[in-house]
Amino acid sequence: MTREQITADIVAARLAKGLTWHQLADAIDKPVMWTIAALLGQHPVPVDCGAVVVDMLGLDESAIPVLAAVPMRGGLPTAVPTDPTIYRFYEVLQVYGGAIKEFIHEEFGDGIMSAINFSIDIQRKPHAAGDRVVVTLDGKFLPYDWTAAEG
């Protein structure tokens, strides 16, 4: 069984059982965004958490070690996604990416925002003209360190 097959089984079983991502996250005591990403194949799932998910979704126990394996994050190189929700994040970076980079360098210096030491939160914010989607990316600043290995 491949990670891709397990991911498809997770999505199908969650929908068939009427479970929300929040319910799965609560059951394994993990943040909801981490849980969604992990169950969609982007993080290794600790064995104890994998066992809970497999039990809740009625999946075969052979999925547990596959869920626990370190995944190929981000998947293989592909074209820009055409799904409108995902594409908008590409659009945001096309429009604001340069400004975000400049701001980070001005405020922090030469470096990057980590996507490894990182969290994400999504909230709904009521607004008279239509509810707003608030996305918070919280990554550790990592300064460039131009050093070489000794020897």
Protein backbone atom coordinates (compact mmCIF):
# COMPACT_ATOMS: atom_id res chain seq x y z
CA MET A 1 0.00 0.00 0.00
CA THR A 2 1.42 3.40 -0.99
CA ARG A 3 1.14 6.70 0.85
CA GLU A 4 -0.97 8.02 -2.02
CA GLN A 5 -3.42 5.10 -1.68
CA ILE A 6 -3.63 5.60 2.08
CA THR A 7 -4.26 9.33 1.60
CA ALA A 8 -7.11 8.55 -0.80
CA ASP A 9 -8.51 6.03 1.70
CA ILE A 10 -8.29 8.59 4.53
CA VAL A 11 -10.15 11.22 2.51
CA ALA A 12 -12.85 8.75 1.42
CA ALA A 13 -13.31 7.22 4.90
CA ARG A 14 -13.46 10.63 6.60
CA LEU A 15 -16.21 11.75 4.26
CA ALA A 16 -18.09 8.44 4.46
CA LYS A 17 -18.06 8.56 8.27
CA GLY A 18 -18.96 12.26 8.40
CA LEU A 19 -15.89 13.12 10.47
CA THR A 20 -14.36 16.58 10.43
CA TRP A 21 -10.65 17.36 10.36
CA HIS A 22 -11.16 18.98 13.77
CA GLN A 23 -12.50 15.71 15.18
CA LEU A 24 -9.50 13.79 13.87
CA ALA A 25 -7.12 16.44 15.22
CA ASP A 26 -8.78 16.38 18.63
CA ALA A 27 -8.60 12.57 18.72
CA ILE A 28 -4.82 12.59 18.21
CA ASP A 29 -4.25 15.79 20.24
CA LYS A 30 -2.58 17.68 17.38
CA PRO A 31 -3.29 21.09 15.78
CA VAL A 32 -5.89 20.87 13.03
CA MET A 33 -3.67 22.29 10.25
CA TRP A 34 -0.85 19.89 11.15
CA THR A 35 -3.33 17.01 11.19
CA ILE A 36 -4.77 17.86 7.79
CA ALA A 37 -1.31 18.22 6.24
CA ALA A 38 -0.11 14.99 7.87
CA LEU A 39 -3.13 12.97 6.79
CA LEU A 40 -2.78 14.36 3.27
CA GLY A 41 0.78 13.00 3.22
CA GLN A 42 2.98 15.93 4.24
CA HIS A 43 4.20 14.86 7.71
CA PRO A 44 5.06 11.55 9.34
CA VAL A 45 2.29 10.55 11.74
CA PRO A 46 3.47 9.18 15.10
CA VAL A 47 2.57 5.49 15.43
CA ASP A 48 0.19 6.06 18.36
CA CYS A 49 -1.64 8.80 16.43
CA GLY A 50 -1.70 6.67 13.29
CA ALA A 51 -3.33 3.85 15.25
CA VAL A 52 -6.08 6.19 16.45
CA VAL A 53 -6.74 7.49 12.92
CA VAL A 54 -6.77 3.99 11.44
CA ASP A 55 -9.23 2.86 14.10
CA MET A 56 -11.51 5.89 13.72
CA LEU A 57 -11.57 5.57 9.93
CA GLY A 58 -11.75 1.77 9.79
CA LEU A 59 -8.56 1.45 7.76
CA ASP A 60 -6.24 -1.55 7.62
CA GLU A 61 -3.54 -1.53 10.32
CA SER A 62 -0.89 -1.95 7.61
CA ALA A 63 -1.37 1.80 6.99
CA ILE A 64 0.19 2.72 10.36
CA PRO A 65 3.89 2.22 9.44
CA VAL A 66 3.36 3.92 6.08
CA LEU A 67 1.77 6.92 7.84
CA ALA A 68 4.77 6.99 10.22
CA ALA A 69 7.36 7.07 7.41
CA VAL A 70 8.92 10.41 6.44
CA PRO A 71 7.06 11.52 3.29
CA MET A 72 8.18 13.20 0.09
CA ARG A 73 6.98 16.64 1.17
CA GLY A 74 5.44 18.81 -1.46
CA GLY A 75 5.36 15.89 -3.88
CA LEU A 76 7.23 15.70 -7.13
CA PRO A 77 7.62 18.81 -9.30
CA THR A 78 4.42 19.65 -11.15
CA ALA A 79 2.82 22.53 -12.96
CA VAL A 80 1.18 25.31 -10.95
CA PRO A 81 -2.07 23.85 -9.56
CA THR A 82 -5.26 24.97 -11.25
CA ASP A 83 -7.51 24.49 -8.21
CA PRO A 84 -8.71 28.07 -7.53
CA THR A 85 -8.10 27.96 -3.77
CA ILE A 86 -4.54 26.68 -4.09
CA TYR A 87 -3.77 28.86 -7.10
CA ARG A 88 -4.65 32.00 -5.10
CA PHE A 89 -1.68 31.30 -2.82
CA TYR A 90 0.55 31.22 -5.89
CA GLU A 91 -1.04 34.47 -7.00
CA VAL A 92 -0.41 36.04 -3.58
CA LEU A 93 3.27 35.13 -3.85
CA GLN A 94 3.47 36.39 -7.44
CA VAL A 95 2.06 39.76 -6.37
CA TYR A 96 3.51 40.08 -2.85
CA GLY A 97 6.46 37.66 -2.82
CA GLY A 98 9.03 40.33 -3.62
CA ALA A 99 7.59 42.65 -1.00
CA ILE A 100 7.55 39.90 1.62
CA LYS A 101 11.19 39.08 0.84
CA GLU A 102 12.23 42.74 1.08
CA PHE A 103 10.37 43.21 4.36
CA ILE A 104 11.96 40.10 5.91
CA HIS A 105 15.44 41.27 4.89
CA GLU A 106 14.84 44.80 6.15
CA GLU A 107 13.40 43.68 9.49
CA PHE A 108 15.55 40.60 10.17
CA GLY A 109 18.58 40.71 7.87
CA ASP A 110 19.78 38.28 5.22
CA GLY A 111 17.92 35.02 5.78
CA ILE A 112 14.69 33.12 5.33
CA MET A 113 11.51 32.12 7.11
CA SER A 114 11.68 28.44 7.98
CA ALA A 115 8.98 26.11 6.70
CA ILE A 116 10.40 23.38 8.95
CA ASN A 117 10.29 25.23 12.29
CA PHE A 118 6.85 26.49 11.35
CA SER A 119 3.15 26.60 12.09
CA ILE A 120 0.10 27.83 10.20
CA ASP A 121 -3.28 28.96 11.44
CA ILE A 122 -6.43 29.78 9.49
CA GLN A 123 -9.29 31.71 11.03
CA ARG A 124 -12.63 33.04 9.81
CA LYS A 125 -13.13 36.75 10.49
CA PRO A 126 -16.66 38.14 10.12
CA HIS A 127 -16.91 41.20 7.89
CA ALA A 128 -19.93 43.16 6.66
CA ALA A 129 -18.81 42.83 3.02
CA GLY A 130 -18.25 39.07 3.37
CA ASP A 131 -16.29 36.94 5.79
CA ARG A 132 -12.50 37.16 5.59
CA VAL A 133 -9.96 34.34 5.54
CA VAL A 134 -7.05 35.11 7.88
CA VAL A 135 -3.96 33.00 7.24
CA THR A 136 -1.08 33.25 9.71
CA LEU A 137 2.27 31.78 8.69
CA ASP A 138 4.59 31.51 11.69
CA GLY A 139 8.13 30.47 10.77
CA LYS A 140 11.40 30.83 12.60
CA PHE A 141 13.84 33.31 11.04
CA LEU A 142 16.98 31.56 9.84
CA PRO A 143 19.88 33.88 9.02
CA TYR A 144 22.19 32.88 6.20
CA ASP A 145 25.47 31.66 7.65
CA TRP A 146 28.18 31.56 5.02
CA THR A 147 30.49 28.96 6.52
CA ALA A 148 32.19 25.86 5.22
CA ALA A 149 32.93 22.53 6.84
CA GLU A 150 36.39 22.29 8.33
CA GLY A 151 38.98 20.04 6.72
